[in-house]
């Protein structure tokens, strides 16, 4: 059974797999955690999945450590191709170099992004990518959108207590 990560107590922790591939990993277990009694101690197996507003996409139950494994992206492409389509980048003939799993992990730690090639098609990071600050690029973009929303509210004035008017 999947449970909340102990990382919830360390908000500075980052999830490179989520930021890059858009894949969640859930530690499976059934025994209460002795350090965090409200949580379950994770076992040896991980559930790799995609989660969106309306669905949960099961990819694999496997060992811990497939953080940069393109095989998980291949499962997405083969089983849920619509989930990768928005990230396909057309007009690319090839990549200058192939990025092995360990090198992708190094890229993430440096805050660098790399294209993904699957069957001759090229994809931007489905998780939105990682910033040089090693944070979620998608979160930064969402924050920027919220800032623009707040700025537009600042251009409004109150006509009375119940109505906003644009100045």
N, C-alpha and C. Protein backbone atom coordinates (compact mmCIF):
# COMPACT_ATOMS: atom_id res chain seq x y z
N UNK A 1 0.84 -1.18 0.00
CA UNK A 1 0.00 0.00 0.00
C UNK A 1 0.89 1.25 0.00
N UNK A 2 0.68 2.23 -0.90
CA UNK A 2 1.52 3.43 -0.94
C UNK A 2 1.18 4.40 0.19
N UNK A 3 2.20 5.12 0.63
CA UNK A 3 2.01 6.07 1.73
C UNK A 3 2.83 7.33 1.49
N UNK A 4 2.52 8.36 2.21
CA UNK A 4 3.21 9.64 2.13
C UNK A 4 4.69 9.48 2.47
N UNK A 5 5.53 10.18 1.73
CA UNK A 5 6.98 10.11 1.94
C UNK A 5 7.40 10.81 3.22
N UNK A 6 8.46 10.31 3.82
CA UNK A 6 9.06 10.97 4.98
C UNK A 6 9.67 12.31 4.59
N UNK A 7 9.86 12.54 3.30
CA UNK A 7 10.39 13.81 2.83
C UNK A 7 9.45 14.98 3.14
N UNK A 8 8.21 14.67 3.49
CA UNK A 8 7.26 15.72 3.84
C UNK A 8 7.79 16.55 5.00
N UNK A 9 8.67 15.96 5.80
CA UNK A 9 9.25 16.67 6.94
C UNK A 9 10.50 17.45 6.55
N UNK A 10 10.93 17.33 5.30
CA UNK A 10 12.12 18.03 4.79
C UNK A 10 11.75 18.73 3.48
N UNK A 11 11.08 19.86 3.54
CA UNK A 11 10.61 20.51 2.31
C UNK A 11 11.73 20.96 1.38
N UNK A 12 12.95 21.07 1.90
CA UNK A 12 14.06 21.46 1.04
C UNK A 12 14.51 20.32 0.12
N UNK A 13 14.09 19.11 0.40
CA UNK A 13 14.42 17.96 -0.44
C UNK A 13 13.75 18.12 -1.81
N UNK A 14 14.45 17.71 -2.84
CA UNK A 14 13.94 17.83 -4.20
C UNK A 14 13.78 16.44 -4.82
N UNK A 15 12.88 16.30 -5.76
CA UNK A 15 12.62 15.02 -6.41
C UNK A 15 12.94 15.15 -7.90
N UNK A 16 14.17 14.84 -8.26
CA UNK A 16 14.62 14.98 -9.64
C UNK A 16 13.83 14.13 -10.62
N UNK A 17 13.40 12.95 -10.20
CA UNK A 17 12.62 12.09 -11.09
C UNK A 17 11.28 12.74 -11.43
N UNK A 18 10.65 13.33 -10.44
CA UNK A 18 9.38 14.01 -10.66
C UNK A 18 9.58 15.25 -11.54
N UNK A 19 10.60 16.03 -11.23
CA UNK A 19 10.85 17.26 -12.00
C UNK A 19 11.21 16.97 -13.45
N UNK A 20 11.95 15.90 -13.70
CA UNK A 20 12.43 15.57 -15.04
C UNK A 20 11.42 14.71 -15.80
N UNK A 21 11.09 13.55 -15.27
CA UNK A 21 10.23 12.60 -15.97
C UNK A 21 8.74 12.78 -15.65
N UNK A 22 8.41 13.51 -14.59
CA UNK A 22 7.01 13.64 -14.19
C UNK A 22 6.48 12.38 -13.53
N UNK A 23 7.39 11.51 -13.09
CA UNK A 23 7.01 10.22 -12.51
C UNK A 23 7.13 10.30 -10.98
N UNK A 24 6.07 9.87 -10.33
CA UNK A 24 6.06 9.77 -8.87
C UNK A 24 6.59 8.40 -8.48
N UNK A 25 7.19 8.31 -7.31
CA UNK A 25 7.59 7.01 -6.78
C UNK A 25 7.05 6.88 -5.36
N UNK A 26 6.35 5.79 -5.13
CA UNK A 26 5.72 5.55 -3.83
C UNK A 26 6.33 4.32 -3.20
N UNK A 27 6.82 4.49 -1.99
CA UNK A 27 7.41 3.37 -1.24
C UNK A 27 6.28 2.50 -0.71
N UNK A 28 6.36 1.22 -0.97
CA UNK A 28 5.31 0.30 -0.55
C UNK A 28 5.69 -0.35 0.77
N UNK A 29 4.73 -0.47 1.63
CA UNK A 29 4.97 -1.10 2.92
C UNK A 29 3.69 -1.24 3.71
N UNK A 30 3.78 -1.91 4.86
CA UNK A 30 2.60 -2.11 5.70
C UNK A 30 2.92 -1.99 7.18
N UNK A 31 4.19 -1.74 7.52
CA UNK A 31 4.62 -1.68 8.92
C UNK A 31 4.77 -0.22 9.34
N UNK A 32 4.23 0.17 10.49
CA UNK A 32 4.39 1.57 10.94
C UNK A 32 5.86 1.95 11.08
N UNK A 33 6.17 3.18 10.74
CA UNK A 33 7.52 3.72 10.85
C UNK A 33 7.78 4.08 12.32
N UNK A 34 8.88 3.65 12.88
CA UNK A 34 9.15 3.92 14.29
C UNK A 34 9.50 5.38 14.54
N UNK A 35 10.16 6.03 13.58
CA UNK A 35 10.55 7.43 13.76
C UNK A 35 9.37 8.38 13.51
N UNK A 36 8.54 8.03 12.53
CA UNK A 36 7.37 8.85 12.18
C UNK A 36 6.12 7.96 12.30
N UNK A 37 5.54 7.85 13.48
CA UNK A 37 4.42 6.92 13.70
C UNK A 37 3.21 7.15 12.79
N UNK A 38 3.04 8.36 12.28
CA UNK A 38 1.90 8.62 11.40
C UNK A 38 2.13 8.04 10.00
N UNK A 39 3.36 7.59 9.72
CA UNK A 39 3.71 7.07 8.40
C UNK A 39 3.99 5.57 8.46
N UNK A 40 4.10 4.98 7.29
CA UNK A 40 4.41 3.56 7.15
C UNK A 40 5.86 3.44 6.67
N UNK A 41 6.60 2.51 7.26
CA UNK A 41 7.98 2.27 6.83
C UNK A 41 7.96 1.65 5.44
N UNK A 42 8.69 2.25 4.54
CA UNK A 42 8.75 1.75 3.17
C UNK A 42 9.50 0.43 3.08
N UNK A 43 9.07 -0.43 2.20
CA UNK A 43 9.74 -1.70 1.97
C UNK A 43 10.76 -1.57 0.84
N UNK A 44 11.15 -2.70 0.30
CA UNK A 44 12.15 -2.74 -0.76
C UNK A 44 11.59 -2.34 -2.12
N UNK A 45 10.30 -2.42 -2.29
CA UNK A 45 9.69 -2.16 -3.60
C UNK A 45 9.11 -0.75 -3.67
N UNK A 46 9.14 -0.21 -4.89
CA UNK A 46 8.65 1.12 -5.20
C UNK A 46 7.56 0.99 -6.27
N UNK A 47 6.50 1.76 -6.12
CA UNK A 47 5.48 1.87 -7.17
C UNK A 47 5.80 3.13 -7.96
N UNK A 48 6.10 2.97 -9.23
CA UNK A 48 6.38 4.09 -10.13
C UNK A 48 5.08 4.40 -10.87
N UNK A 49 4.67 5.68 -10.90
CA UNK A 49 3.38 6.03 -11.48
C UNK A 49 3.34 7.48 -11.95
N UNK A 50 2.35 7.75 -12.77
CA UNK A 50 1.99 9.12 -13.15
C UNK A 50 0.69 9.44 -12.43
N UNK A 51 0.54 10.69 -12.03
CA UNK A 51 -0.68 11.13 -11.37
C UNK A 51 -1.08 12.45 -12.01
N UNK A 52 -2.33 12.56 -12.42
CA UNK A 52 -2.83 13.86 -12.88
C UNK A 52 -4.15 14.15 -12.19
N UNK A 53 -4.84 15.19 -12.63
CA UNK A 53 -6.06 15.63 -11.94
C UNK A 53 -7.12 14.55 -11.87
N UNK A 54 -7.15 13.66 -12.86
CA UNK A 54 -8.26 12.72 -12.90
C UNK A 54 -7.88 11.26 -12.94
N UNK A 55 -6.58 10.94 -12.91
CA UNK A 55 -6.21 9.53 -13.06
C UNK A 55 -4.87 9.22 -12.41
N UNK A 56 -4.69 7.95 -12.17
CA UNK A 56 -3.46 7.38 -11.61
C UNK A 56 -2.99 6.35 -12.63
N UNK A 57 -1.78 6.51 -13.16
CA UNK A 57 -1.26 5.64 -14.20
C UNK A 57 -0.16 4.76 -13.62
N UNK A 58 -0.47 3.50 -13.41
CA UNK A 58 0.46 2.53 -12.85
C UNK A 58 1.52 2.21 -13.91
N UNK A 59 2.80 2.35 -13.57
CA UNK A 59 3.87 2.01 -14.51
C UNK A 59 4.56 0.71 -14.14
N UNK A 60 5.03 0.61 -12.89
CA UNK A 60 5.75 -0.60 -12.48
C UNK A 60 5.91 -0.64 -10.97
N UNK A 61 5.99 -1.84 -10.45
CA UNK A 61 6.48 -2.06 -9.09
C UNK A 61 7.84 -2.70 -9.27
N UNK A 62 8.85 -2.06 -8.71
CA UNK A 62 10.21 -2.54 -8.93
C UNK A 62 11.10 -2.09 -7.79
N UNK A 63 12.36 -2.38 -7.93
CA UNK A 63 13.33 -2.01 -6.90
C UNK A 63 13.52 -0.51 -6.82
N UNK A 64 13.98 -0.09 -5.70
CA UNK A 64 14.38 1.29 -5.42
C UNK A 64 15.52 1.67 -6.38
N UNK A 65 15.50 2.88 -6.93
CA UNK A 65 16.66 3.36 -7.67
C UNK A 65 16.51 3.52 -9.17
N UNK A 66 15.32 3.41 -9.72
CA UNK A 66 15.17 3.59 -11.17
C UNK A 66 14.92 5.07 -11.51
N UNK A 67 15.58 5.95 -10.80
CA UNK A 67 15.31 7.39 -10.86
C UNK A 67 15.52 7.99 -12.25
N UNK A 68 16.40 7.43 -13.05
CA UNK A 68 16.70 8.00 -14.37
C UNK A 68 16.53 6.97 -15.48
N UNK A 69 15.78 5.94 -15.22
CA UNK A 69 15.62 4.83 -16.15
C UNK A 69 14.65 5.20 -17.27
N UNK A 70 15.16 5.32 -18.52
CA UNK A 70 14.25 5.64 -19.63
C UNK A 70 13.24 4.54 -19.92
N UNK A 71 13.46 3.36 -19.35
CA UNK A 71 12.49 2.28 -19.53
C UNK A 71 11.13 2.64 -18.96
N UNK A 72 11.10 3.47 -17.92
CA UNK A 72 9.82 3.91 -17.37
C UNK A 72 9.11 4.84 -18.36
N UNK A 73 9.87 5.66 -19.05
CA UNK A 73 9.28 6.53 -20.08
C UNK A 73 8.78 5.70 -21.25
N UNK A 74 9.47 4.62 -21.55
CA UNK A 74 9.03 3.73 -22.62
C UNK A 74 7.68 3.11 -22.25
N UNK A 75 7.50 2.75 -20.98
CA UNK A 75 6.20 2.22 -20.54
C UNK A 75 5.12 3.26 -20.78
N UNK A 76 5.41 4.52 -20.47
CA UNK A 76 4.44 5.59 -20.70
C UNK A 76 4.13 5.69 -22.19
N UNK A 77 5.17 5.70 -23.02
CA UNK A 77 4.98 5.83 -24.47
C UNK A 77 4.15 4.68 -25.02
N UNK A 78 4.42 3.46 -24.55
CA UNK A 78 3.71 2.29 -25.07
C UNK A 78 2.29 2.16 -24.51
N UNK A 79 2.11 2.52 -23.25
CA UNK A 79 0.81 2.29 -22.60
C UNK A 79 -0.09 3.51 -22.54
N UNK A 80 0.51 4.69 -22.44
CA UNK A 80 -0.25 5.94 -22.30
C UNK A 80 0.37 7.02 -23.19
N UNK A 81 0.43 6.80 -24.50
CA UNK A 81 1.16 7.73 -25.39
C UNK A 81 0.65 9.17 -25.32
N UNK A 82 -0.62 9.35 -24.99
CA UNK A 82 -1.18 10.70 -24.90
C UNK A 82 -0.51 11.52 -23.80
N UNK A 83 0.10 10.84 -22.82
CA UNK A 83 0.75 11.56 -21.72
C UNK A 83 2.09 12.16 -22.16
N UNK A 84 2.71 11.63 -23.21
CA UNK A 84 3.98 12.18 -23.71
C UNK A 84 3.80 13.14 -24.88
N UNK A 85 2.69 13.02 -25.59
CA UNK A 85 2.49 13.84 -26.79
C UNK A 85 2.71 15.33 -26.57
N UNK A 86 2.26 15.94 -25.48
CA UNK A 86 2.48 17.39 -25.31
C UNK A 86 3.96 17.78 -25.20
N UNK A 87 4.82 16.82 -24.91
CA UNK A 87 6.24 17.12 -24.71
C UNK A 87 7.10 16.78 -25.92
N UNK A 88 6.46 16.24 -26.97
CA UNK A 88 7.22 15.91 -28.18
C UNK A 88 7.71 17.20 -28.84
N UNK A 89 8.99 17.20 -29.21
CA UNK A 89 9.59 18.34 -29.89
C UNK A 89 9.86 17.89 -31.33
N UNK A 90 9.17 18.50 -32.26
CA UNK A 90 9.31 18.12 -33.67
C UNK A 90 10.43 18.91 -34.33
N UNK A 91 10.96 18.36 -35.42
CA UNK A 91 11.98 19.05 -36.18
C UNK A 91 13.40 18.75 -35.75
N UNK A 92 13.56 17.82 -34.82
CA UNK A 92 14.90 17.42 -34.38
C UNK A 92 15.28 16.15 -35.12
N UNK A 93 16.49 16.15 -35.68
CA UNK A 93 16.96 14.97 -36.43
C UNK A 93 17.73 14.00 -35.55
N UNK A 94 18.29 14.49 -34.47
CA UNK A 94 19.07 13.63 -33.58
C UNK A 94 19.68 14.46 -32.47
N UNK A 95 20.20 13.77 -31.48
CA UNK A 95 20.87 14.43 -30.37
C UNK A 95 22.37 14.33 -30.54
N UNK A 96 23.10 15.31 -30.02
CA UNK A 96 24.56 15.31 -30.14
C UNK A 96 25.17 14.14 -29.38
N UNK A 97 24.53 13.71 -28.30
CA UNK A 97 25.03 12.58 -27.52
C UNK A 97 23.89 11.93 -26.78
N UNK A 98 24.07 10.66 -26.48
CA UNK A 98 23.10 9.92 -25.69
C UNK A 98 23.43 10.12 -24.22
N UNK A 99 22.44 10.36 -23.40
CA UNK A 99 22.67 10.63 -21.99
C UNK A 99 22.33 9.37 -21.17
N UNK A 100 23.38 8.64 -20.74
CA UNK A 100 23.13 7.45 -19.91
C UNK A 100 22.48 7.84 -18.58
N UNK A 101 21.89 6.86 -17.90
CA UNK A 101 21.16 7.10 -16.65
C UNK A 101 22.00 7.85 -15.62
N UNK A 102 23.21 7.41 -15.38
CA UNK A 102 24.06 8.04 -14.35
C UNK A 102 24.39 9.48 -14.73
N UNK A 103 24.57 9.75 -16.02
CA UNK A 103 24.85 11.11 -16.47
C UNK A 103 23.62 11.99 -16.31
N UNK A 104 22.43 11.43 -16.54
CA UNK A 104 21.19 12.19 -16.35
C UNK A 104 21.06 12.58 -14.88
N UNK A 105 21.42 11.68 -13.97
CA UNK A 105 21.37 12.01 -12.55
C UNK A 105 22.35 13.14 -12.23
N UNK A 106 23.53 13.12 -12.84
CA UNK A 106 24.49 14.21 -12.63
C UNK A 106 23.93 15.53 -13.18
N UNK A 107 23.30 15.47 -14.35
CA UNK A 107 22.67 16.66 -14.92
C UNK A 107 21.67 17.24 -13.94
N UNK A 108 20.82 16.38 -13.39
CA UNK A 108 19.79 16.85 -12.44
C UNK A 108 20.43 17.54 -11.25
N UNK A 109 21.49 16.95 -10.72
CA UNK A 109 22.16 17.54 -9.56
C UNK A 109 22.78 18.89 -9.87
N UNK A 110 23.08 19.13 -11.15
CA UNK A 110 23.63 20.42 -11.57
C UNK A 110 22.53 21.41 -11.98
N UNK A 111 21.29 20.94 -12.02
CA UNK A 111 20.18 21.79 -12.44
C UNK A 111 20.10 21.92 -13.95
N UNK A 112 20.51 20.88 -14.67
CA UNK A 112 20.51 20.88 -16.13
C UNK A 112 19.44 19.93 -16.65
N UNK A 113 18.92 20.24 -17.82
CA UNK A 113 17.90 19.42 -18.46
C UNK A 113 18.46 18.81 -19.74
N UNK A 114 17.88 17.71 -20.16
CA UNK A 114 18.29 17.07 -21.41
C UNK A 114 17.05 16.50 -22.09
N UNK A 115 17.09 16.54 -23.41
CA UNK A 115 16.02 15.95 -24.20
C UNK A 115 16.03 14.44 -24.00
N UNK A 116 14.92 13.82 -24.30
CA UNK A 116 14.76 12.38 -24.17
C UNK A 116 14.41 11.83 -25.55
N UNK A 117 15.10 10.79 -25.99
CA UNK A 117 14.80 10.17 -27.28
C UNK A 117 14.18 8.80 -27.04
N UNK A 118 13.04 8.58 -27.67
CA UNK A 118 12.37 7.28 -27.64
C UNK A 118 11.91 6.96 -29.05
N UNK A 119 12.43 5.90 -29.63
CA UNK A 119 12.01 5.45 -30.95
C UNK A 119 12.11 6.55 -32.01
N UNK A 120 13.18 7.33 -31.98
CA UNK A 120 13.39 8.37 -32.98
C UNK A 120 12.56 9.62 -32.78
N UNK A 121 11.82 9.70 -31.69
CA UNK A 121 11.08 10.91 -31.34
C UNK A 121 11.76 11.54 -30.14
N UNK A 122 11.64 12.86 -30.05
CA UNK A 122 12.36 13.60 -29.02
C UNK A 122 11.37 14.34 -28.13
N UNK A 123 11.66 14.32 -26.83
CA UNK A 123 10.74 14.90 -25.86
C UNK A 123 11.47 15.83 -24.91
N UNK A 124 10.80 16.94 -24.59
CA UNK A 124 11.25 17.79 -23.50
C UNK A 124 10.87 17.06 -22.21
N UNK A 125 11.47 17.42 -21.08
CA UNK A 125 11.15 16.72 -19.83
C UNK A 125 9.65 16.76 -19.50
N UNK A 126 9.00 15.60 -19.42
CA UNK A 126 7.56 15.57 -19.12
C UNK A 126 7.20 16.11 -17.74
N UNK A 127 8.18 16.19 -16.86
CA UNK A 127 7.93 16.77 -15.54
C UNK A 127 8.12 18.28 -15.53
N UNK A 128 8.45 18.86 -16.68
CA UNK A 128 8.64 20.30 -16.79
C UNK A 128 10.09 20.72 -16.69
N UNK A 129 10.93 19.86 -16.14
CA UNK A 129 12.35 20.17 -16.05
C UNK A 129 12.76 20.67 -14.67
N UNK A 130 14.05 20.91 -14.56
CA UNK A 130 14.65 21.34 -13.30
C UNK A 130 15.38 22.65 -13.54
N UNK A 131 15.36 23.55 -12.57
CA UNK A 131 16.03 24.84 -12.70
C UNK A 131 17.48 24.74 -12.22
N UNK A 132 18.25 25.77 -12.49
CA UNK A 132 19.63 25.80 -11.99
C UNK A 132 19.67 25.84 -10.46
N UNK A 133 18.58 26.25 -9.84
CA UNK A 133 18.47 26.22 -8.38
C UNK A 133 18.07 24.82 -7.88
N UNK A 134 17.94 23.87 -8.81
CA UNK A 134 17.56 22.47 -8.52
C UNK A 134 16.14 22.34 -8.00
N UNK A 135 15.29 23.24 -8.44
CA UNK A 135 13.88 23.19 -8.08
C UNK A 135 13.06 22.85 -9.31
N UNK A 136 11.80 22.63 -9.13
CA UNK A 136 10.89 22.28 -10.22
C UNK A 136 10.66 23.48 -11.13
N UNK A 137 11.01 23.32 -12.41
CA UNK A 137 10.76 24.39 -13.37
C UNK A 137 9.26 24.64 -13.52
N UNK A 138 8.47 23.59 -13.44
CA UNK A 138 7.01 23.74 -13.55
C UNK A 138 6.47 24.57 -12.39
N UNK A 139 7.00 24.34 -11.18
CA UNK A 139 6.56 25.13 -10.03
C UNK A 139 6.92 26.59 -10.18
N UNK A 140 8.10 26.85 -10.74
CA UNK A 140 8.52 28.23 -10.97
C UNK A 140 7.59 28.91 -11.97
N UNK A 141 7.24 28.18 -13.05
CA UNK A 141 6.33 28.76 -14.06
C UNK A 141 4.95 29.02 -13.47
N UNK A 142 4.46 28.09 -12.64
CA UNK A 142 3.16 28.28 -12.00
C UNK A 142 3.20 29.48 -11.05
N UNK A 143 4.29 29.61 -10.32
CA UNK A 143 4.45 30.76 -9.42
C UNK A 143 4.45 32.06 -10.20
N UNK A 144 5.14 32.08 -11.33
CA UNK A 144 5.16 33.27 -12.17
C UNK A 144 3.77 33.62 -12.66
N UNK A 145 2.99 32.61 -13.03
CA UNK A 145 1.61 32.85 -13.47
C UNK A 145 0.80 33.47 -12.34
N UNK A 146 0.98 32.96 -11.12
CA UNK A 146 0.27 33.53 -9.96
C UNK A 146 0.69 34.97 -9.70
N UNK A 147 1.98 35.24 -9.88
CA UNK A 147 2.46 36.61 -9.68
C UNK A 147 1.82 37.56 -10.69
N UNK A 148 1.68 37.10 -11.93
CA UNK A 148 1.02 37.93 -12.95
C UNK A 148 -0.45 38.16 -12.58
N UNK A 149 -1.09 37.11 -12.05
CA UNK A 149 -2.48 37.27 -11.61
C UNK A 149 -2.59 38.32 -10.51
N UNK A 150 -1.69 38.26 -9.54
CA UNK A 150 -1.70 39.22 -8.43
C UNK A 150 -1.41 40.63 -8.96
N UNK A 151 -0.46 40.74 -9.89
CA UNK A 151 -0.13 42.05 -10.46
C UNK A 151 -1.34 42.63 -11.19
N UNK A 152 -2.11 41.79 -11.88
CA UNK A 152 -3.29 42.31 -12.57
C UNK A 152 -4.34 42.77 -11.58
N UNK A 153 -4.42 42.12 -10.42
CA UNK A 153 -5.33 42.59 -9.38
C UNK A 153 -4.90 43.96 -8.87
N UNK A 154 -3.59 44.20 -8.84
CA UNK A 154 -3.08 45.49 -8.38
C UNK A 154 -3.46 46.63 -9.31
N UNK A 155 -3.78 46.29 -10.57
CA UNK A 155 -4.20 47.32 -11.52
C UNK A 155 -5.70 47.60 -11.42
N UNK A 156 -6.33 46.91 -10.52
CA UNK A 156 -7.76 47.12 -10.29
C UNK A 156 -7.94 48.00 -9.06
N UNK A 157 -9.01 48.71 -9.02
CA UNK A 157 -9.33 49.52 -7.84
C UNK A 157 -10.72 49.16 -7.35
N UNK A 158 -11.00 49.51 -6.14
CA UNK A 158 -12.32 49.21 -5.58
C UNK A 158 -13.26 50.38 -5.85
N UNK A 159 -14.39 50.06 -6.45
CA UNK A 159 -15.44 51.06 -6.67
C UNK A 159 -16.27 51.18 -5.38
N UNK A 160 -16.58 50.05 -4.81
CA UNK A 160 -17.19 49.99 -3.49
C UNK A 160 -16.76 48.67 -2.86
N UNK A 161 -17.25 48.33 -1.74
CA UNK A 161 -16.79 47.13 -1.04
C UNK A 161 -17.11 45.83 -1.77
N UNK A 162 -18.05 45.83 -2.70
CA UNK A 162 -18.46 44.60 -3.36
C UNK A 162 -18.06 44.51 -4.82
N UNK A 163 -17.39 45.50 -5.36
CA UNK A 163 -17.14 45.48 -6.79
C UNK A 163 -15.73 45.98 -7.09
N UNK A 164 -15.02 45.24 -7.94
CA UNK A 164 -13.71 45.65 -8.43
C UNK A 164 -13.90 46.30 -9.80
N UNK A 165 -13.19 47.37 -10.04
CA UNK A 165 -13.24 47.99 -11.36
C UNK A 165 -11.81 48.10 -11.88
N UNK A 166 -11.65 48.01 -13.19
CA UNK A 166 -10.34 48.15 -13.82
C UNK A 166 -10.03 49.62 -14.00
N UNK A 167 -8.84 50.04 -13.56
CA UNK A 167 -8.46 51.45 -13.70
C UNK A 167 -7.87 51.76 -15.05
